[in-house]
Amino acid sequence: DGQIERELPALGSNLAVKATTTYHVTVTTGDVKNAGTDANVYLTLYGTKDDTGSLLLKNSSTFKDKFERGHSDVFA
């Protein structure tokens, strides 16, 4: 997936292990003139106990050139 950052659960009898969940995020870019961007786009998911921190939406599974006008990009 090209990402450098990984979250690895700690293992051992004394350590609490965080459950992980995979979300599939769809970002739909508008279909008007000059919609779309080549900028870096980040996402933070917030829960009742924690948040993900800032996550770079790097690799779209639907389009190589992400965030283009009228496209729906999917990230996992």
C-alpha atoms as a PDB file:
ATOM      1  CA  ASP A   1       0.000   0.000   0.000  1.00  0.00           C
ATOM      2  CA  GLY A   2       3.044   2.287  -0.012  1.00  0.00           C
ATOM      3  CA  GLN A   3       2.598   3.525   3.545  1.00  0.00           C
ATOM      4  CA  ILE A   4       5.610   3.822   5.817  1.00  0.00           C
ATOM      5  CA  GLU A   5       3.734   4.052   9.110  1.00  0.00           C
ATOM      6  CA  ARG A   6       2.304   0.911  10.741  1.00  0.00           C
ATOM      7  CA  GLU A   7       0.470   0.255  13.991  1.00  0.00           C
ATOM      8  CA  LEU A   8       1.611  -3.029  15.518  1.00  0.00           C
ATOM      9  CA  PRO A   9      -0.170  -4.420  18.576  1.00  0.00           C
ATOM     10  CA  ALA A  10       1.995  -5.231  21.601  1.00  0.00           C
ATOM     11  CA  LEU A  11       2.000  -8.871  22.642  1.00  0.00           C
ATOM     12  CA  GLY A  12       2.560 -10.290  26.104  1.00  0.00           C
ATOM     13  CA  SER A  13       0.685 -11.243  29.243  1.00  0.00           C
ATOM     14  CA  ASN A  14       1.233  -7.871  30.981  1.00  0.00           C
ATOM     15  CA  LEU A  15       0.351  -5.672  28.031  1.00  0.00           C
ATOM     16  CA  ALA A  16      -3.061  -4.494  26.920  1.00  0.00           C
ATOM     17  CA  VAL A  17      -3.675  -5.063  23.222  1.00  0.00           C
ATOM     18  CA  LYS A  18      -5.639  -2.466  21.296  1.00  0.00           C
ATOM     19  CA  ALA A  19      -8.184  -3.877  18.891  1.00  0.00           C
ATOM     20  CA  THR A  20      -7.793  -2.562  15.370  1.00  0.00           C
ATOM     21  CA  THR A  21     -10.515  -1.829  12.866  1.00  0.00           C
ATOM     22  CA  THR A  22     -10.123  -1.204   9.159  1.00  0.00           C
ATOM     23  CA  TYR A  23     -12.310   1.506   7.682  1.00  0.00           C
ATOM     24  CA  HIS A  24     -12.905   2.073   3.990  1.00  0.00           C
ATOM     25  CA  VAL A  25     -13.220   5.799   3.357  1.00  0.00           C
ATOM     26  CA  THR A  26     -14.738   7.131   0.136  1.00  0.00           C
ATOM     27  CA  VAL A  27     -13.935  10.707  -0.872  1.00  0.00           C
ATOM     28  CA  THR A  28     -15.995  12.107  -3.736  1.00  0.00           C
ATOM     29  CA  THR A  29     -14.611  15.189  -5.453  1.00  0.00           C
ATOM     30  CA  GLY A  30     -17.100  17.669  -6.904  1.00  0.00           C
ATOM     31  CA  ASP A  31     -17.886  17.866 -10.602  1.00  0.00           C
ATOM     32  CA  VAL A  32     -17.580  21.613 -11.128  1.00  0.00           C
ATOM     33  CA  LYS A  33     -14.921  23.605 -12.927  1.00  0.00           C
ATOM     34  CA  ASN A  34     -11.561  23.504 -11.077  1.00  0.00           C
ATOM     35  CA  ALA A  35     -12.738  20.844  -8.629  1.00  0.00           C
ATOM     36  CA  GLY A  36      -9.957  18.492  -7.591  1.00  0.00           C
ATOM     37  CA  THR A  37      -6.576  18.966  -6.021  1.00  0.00           C
ATOM     38  CA  ASP A  38      -2.999  17.745  -6.159  1.00  0.00           C
ATOM     39  CA  ALA A  39      -2.487  18.764  -2.511  1.00  0.00           C
ATOM     40  CA  ASN A  40      -1.933  16.295   0.316  1.00  0.00           C
ATOM     41  CA  VAL A  41      -5.251  15.400   1.957  1.00  0.00           C
ATOM     42  CA  TYR A  42      -5.422  14.177   5.563  1.00  0.00           C
ATOM     43  CA  LEU A  43      -8.164  12.577   7.638  1.00  0.00           C
ATOM     44  CA  THR A  44      -8.610  12.141  11.391  1.00  0.00           C
ATOM     45  CA  LEU A  45     -11.201   9.707  12.763  1.00  0.00           C
ATOM     46  CA  TYR A  46     -12.518  10.437  16.250  1.00  0.00           C
ATOM     47  CA  GLY A  47     -14.020   7.868  18.620  1.00  0.00           C
ATOM     48  CA  THR A  48     -15.314   7.957  22.162  1.00  0.00           C
ATOM     49  CA  LYS A  49     -11.952   6.877  23.599  1.00  0.00           C
ATOM     50  CA  ASP A  50      -9.303   7.925  21.107  1.00  0.00           C
ATOM     51  CA  ASP A  51      -8.569   9.227  17.633  1.00  0.00           C
ATOM     52  CA  THR A  52      -6.375   8.073  14.776  1.00  0.00           C
ATOM     53  CA  GLY A  53      -4.233  11.157  14.563  1.00  0.00           C
ATOM     54  CA  SER A  54      -3.676  12.730  11.172  1.00  0.00           C
ATOM     55  CA  LEU A  55      -3.704  10.109   8.382  1.00  0.00           C
ATOM     56  CA  LEU A  56      -2.499  10.926   4.875  1.00  0.00           C
ATOM     57  CA  LEU A  57      -4.906   9.658   2.211  1.00  0.00           C
ATOM     58  CA  LYS A  58      -2.141   8.365  -0.005  1.00  0.00           C
ATOM     59  CA  ASN A  59      -3.212   5.432  -2.169  1.00  0.00           C
ATOM     60  CA  SER A  60      -6.655   5.360  -3.725  1.00  0.00           C
ATOM     61  CA  SER A  61      -7.815   1.863  -4.652  1.00  0.00           C
ATOM     62  CA  THR A  62     -10.008   3.264  -7.448  1.00  0.00           C
ATOM     63  CA  PHE A  63      -7.852   5.841  -9.263  1.00  0.00           C
ATOM     64  CA  LYS A  64      -4.107   6.297  -9.674  1.00  0.00           C
ATOM     65  CA  ASP A  65      -4.514  10.091  -9.864  1.00  0.00           C
ATOM     66  CA  LYS A  66      -6.615  10.755  -6.770  1.00  0.00           C
ATOM     67  CA  PHE A  67      -8.900  13.722  -5.956  1.00  0.00           C
ATOM     68  CA  GLU A  68      -9.642  14.557  -9.564  1.00  0.00           C
ATOM     69  CA  ARG A  69     -12.874  16.251 -10.650  1.00  0.00           C
ATOM     70  CA  GLY A  70     -15.887  13.908 -10.450  1.00  0.00           C
ATOM     71  CA  HIS A  71     -13.954  10.932  -9.034  1.00  0.00           C
ATOM     72  CA  SER A  72     -14.772   8.829  -5.982  1.00  0.00           C
ATOM     73  CA  ASP A  73     -11.573   7.600  -4.361  1.00  0.00           C
ATOM     74  CA  VAL A  74     -11.571   4.747  -1.855  1.00  0.00           C
ATOM     75  CA  PHE A  75      -8.923   4.439   0.871  1.00  0.00           C
ATOM     76  CA  ALA A  76      -8.460   1.651   3.448  1.00  0.00           C
END
